Amino acid sequence: MAVVAAENPGVYSDTDEAVEAGALDITDLRKVERALEDLGYVPIPERLLTRPYDGLSPLATYRPGERVDWWIRYFDYI
């Protein structure tokens, strides 16, 4: 899995918004998407990663009082 984010993760809700704002060139985005696909990665839209994570996991114990989402589940260690 991989996430393509303009500037930093969380700045834009997805790549469409980043392209529209001029922060990401559509040609560059397509090149990155092709490279990820060629390497066997599955691109995950950033907006989906902000949904609450409802799976079984000890993640909530590491972040008491914070909402656990899919970003934390898969990419927080980065």
C-alpha atoms as a PDB file:
ATOM      1  CA  MET A   1       0.000   0.000   0.000  1.00  0.00           C
ATOM      2  CA  ALA A   2       1.094   3.549  -0.662  1.00  0.00           C
ATOM      3  CA  VAL A   3      -0.303   7.050  -0.260  1.00  0.00           C
ATOM      4  CA  VAL A   4       0.451   9.923  -2.601  1.00  0.00           C
ATOM      5  CA  ALA A   5       0.205  13.235  -0.772  1.00  0.00           C
ATOM      6  CA  ALA A   6       1.043  16.770  -1.880  1.00  0.00           C
ATOM      7  CA  GLU A   7       3.249  18.740   0.504  1.00  0.00           C
ATOM      8  CA  ASN A   8       2.552  16.609   3.612  1.00  0.00           C
ATOM      9  CA  PRO A   9      -0.083  14.020   4.457  1.00  0.00           C
ATOM     10  CA  GLY A  10      -3.226  15.729   5.705  1.00  0.00           C
ATOM     11  CA  VAL A  11      -2.699  19.038   3.912  1.00  0.00           C
ATOM     12  CA  TYR A  12      -5.193  18.091   1.190  1.00  0.00           C
ATOM     13  CA  SER A  13      -8.023  15.583   1.522  1.00  0.00           C
ATOM     14  CA  ASP A  14      -6.936  13.832  -1.671  1.00  0.00           C
ATOM     15  CA  THR A  15      -4.856  14.246  -4.816  1.00  0.00           C
ATOM     16  CA  ASP A  16      -7.785  15.742  -6.746  1.00  0.00           C
ATOM     17  CA  GLU A  17      -7.920  18.623  -4.271  1.00  0.00           C
ATOM     18  CA  ALA A  18      -4.128  19.049  -4.451  1.00  0.00           C
ATOM     19  CA  VAL A  19      -4.214  19.164  -8.276  1.00  0.00           C
ATOM     20  CA  GLU A  20      -7.076  21.661  -8.195  1.00  0.00           C
ATOM     21  CA  ALA A  21      -5.141  23.878  -5.760  1.00  0.00           C
ATOM     22  CA  GLY A  22      -2.048  23.764  -7.977  1.00  0.00           C
ATOM     23  CA  ALA A  23       0.018  21.921  -5.370  1.00  0.00           C
ATOM     24  CA  LEU A  24       0.369  18.798  -7.506  1.00  0.00           C
ATOM     25  CA  ASP A  25       0.847  18.527 -11.252  1.00  0.00           C
ATOM     26  CA  ILE A  26      -1.473  15.966 -12.860  1.00  0.00           C
ATOM     27  CA  THR A  27       1.308  14.701 -15.152  1.00  0.00           C
ATOM     28  CA  ASP A  28       3.597  14.102 -12.176  1.00  0.00           C
ATOM     29  CA  LEU A  29       0.766  12.394 -10.304  1.00  0.00           C
ATOM     30  CA  ARG A  30       0.153   9.995 -13.202  1.00  0.00           C
ATOM     31  CA  LYS A  31       3.890   9.163 -13.350  1.00  0.00           C
ATOM     32  CA  VAL A  32       3.939   8.384  -9.641  1.00  0.00           C
ATOM     33  CA  GLU A  33       0.778   6.285  -9.905  1.00  0.00           C
ATOM     34  CA  ARG A  34       2.287   4.292 -12.800  1.00  0.00           C
ATOM     35  CA  ALA A  35       5.536   3.753 -10.885  1.00  0.00           C
ATOM     36  CA  LEU A  36       3.648   2.542  -7.814  1.00  0.00           C
ATOM     37  CA  GLU A  37       1.579   0.180  -9.941  1.00  0.00           C
ATOM     38  CA  ASP A  38       4.702  -1.149 -11.695  1.00  0.00           C
ATOM     39  CA  LEU A  39       6.254  -1.860  -8.283  1.00  0.00           C
ATOM     40  CA  GLY A  40       3.157  -3.703  -7.123  1.00  0.00           C
ATOM     41  CA  TYR A  41       1.881  -1.091  -4.684  1.00  0.00           C
ATOM     42  CA  VAL A  42      -1.807  -0.402  -4.176  1.00  0.00           C
ATOM     43  CA  PRO A  43      -2.462   3.368  -3.950  1.00  0.00           C
ATOM     44  CA  ILE A  44      -4.845   4.220  -1.117  1.00  0.00           C
ATOM     45  CA  PRO A  45      -6.732   7.530  -1.381  1.00  0.00           C
ATOM     46  CA  GLU A  46      -5.818   9.729   1.568  1.00  0.00           C
ATOM     47  CA  ARG A  47      -9.465  10.611   2.265  1.00  0.00           C
ATOM     48  CA  LEU A  48     -10.235   6.954   3.051  1.00  0.00           C
ATOM     49  CA  LEU A  49      -7.472   6.830   5.639  1.00  0.00           C
ATOM     50  CA  THR A  50      -9.172   9.463   7.782  1.00  0.00           C
ATOM     51  CA  ARG A  51     -12.142   7.173   8.444  1.00  0.00           C
ATOM     52  CA  PRO A  52     -12.310   5.701  11.957  1.00  0.00           C
ATOM     53  CA  TYR A  53     -10.576   2.350  12.336  1.00  0.00           C
ATOM     54  CA  ASP A  54     -13.010  -0.093  13.863  1.00  0.00           C
ATOM     55  CA  GLY A  55     -10.955  -3.271  13.710  1.00  0.00           C
ATOM     56  CA  LEU A  56      -9.581  -5.204  16.639  1.00  0.00           C
ATOM     57  CA  SER A  57      -6.281  -3.696  17.658  1.00  0.00           C
ATOM     58  CA  PRO A  58      -4.375  -2.402  20.683  1.00  0.00           C
ATOM     59  CA  LEU A  59      -3.900   0.942  18.861  1.00  0.00           C
ATOM     60  CA  ALA A  60      -6.311   2.781  21.159  1.00  0.00           C
ATOM     61  CA  THR A  61      -4.162   1.895  24.182  1.00  0.00           C
ATOM     62  CA  TYR A  62      -1.211   3.713  22.610  1.00  0.00           C
ATOM     63  CA  ARG A  63      -3.295   6.835  21.951  1.00  0.00           C
ATOM     64  CA  PRO A  64      -5.663   7.219  24.906  1.00  0.00           C
ATOM     65  CA  GLY A  65      -8.411   9.732  24.190  1.00  0.00           C
ATOM     66  CA  GLU A  66      -7.492  10.039  20.511  1.00  0.00           C
ATOM     67  CA  ARG A  67      -9.504   8.754  17.595  1.00  0.00           C
ATOM     68  CA  VAL A  68      -7.821   5.862  15.826  1.00  0.00           C
ATOM     69  CA  ASP A  69      -8.188   5.971  12.047  1.00  0.00           C
ATOM     70  CA  TRP A  70      -6.906   3.927   9.131  1.00  0.00           C
ATOM     71  CA  TRP A  71      -3.902   6.265   8.689  1.00  0.00           C
ATOM     72  CA  ILE A  72      -2.727   5.376  12.190  1.00  0.00           C
ATOM     73  CA  ARG A  73      -3.400   1.699  11.516  1.00  0.00           C
ATOM     74  CA  TYR A  74      -1.227   1.516   8.401  1.00  0.00           C
ATOM     75  CA  PHE A  75       1.070   4.537   8.180  1.00  0.00           C
ATOM     76  CA  ASP A  76       1.566   6.107  11.608  1.00  0.00           C
ATOM     77  CA  TYR A  77       4.959   4.454  12.107  1.00  0.00           C
ATOM     78  CA  ILE A  78       6.426   6.454   9.207  1.00  0.00           C
END
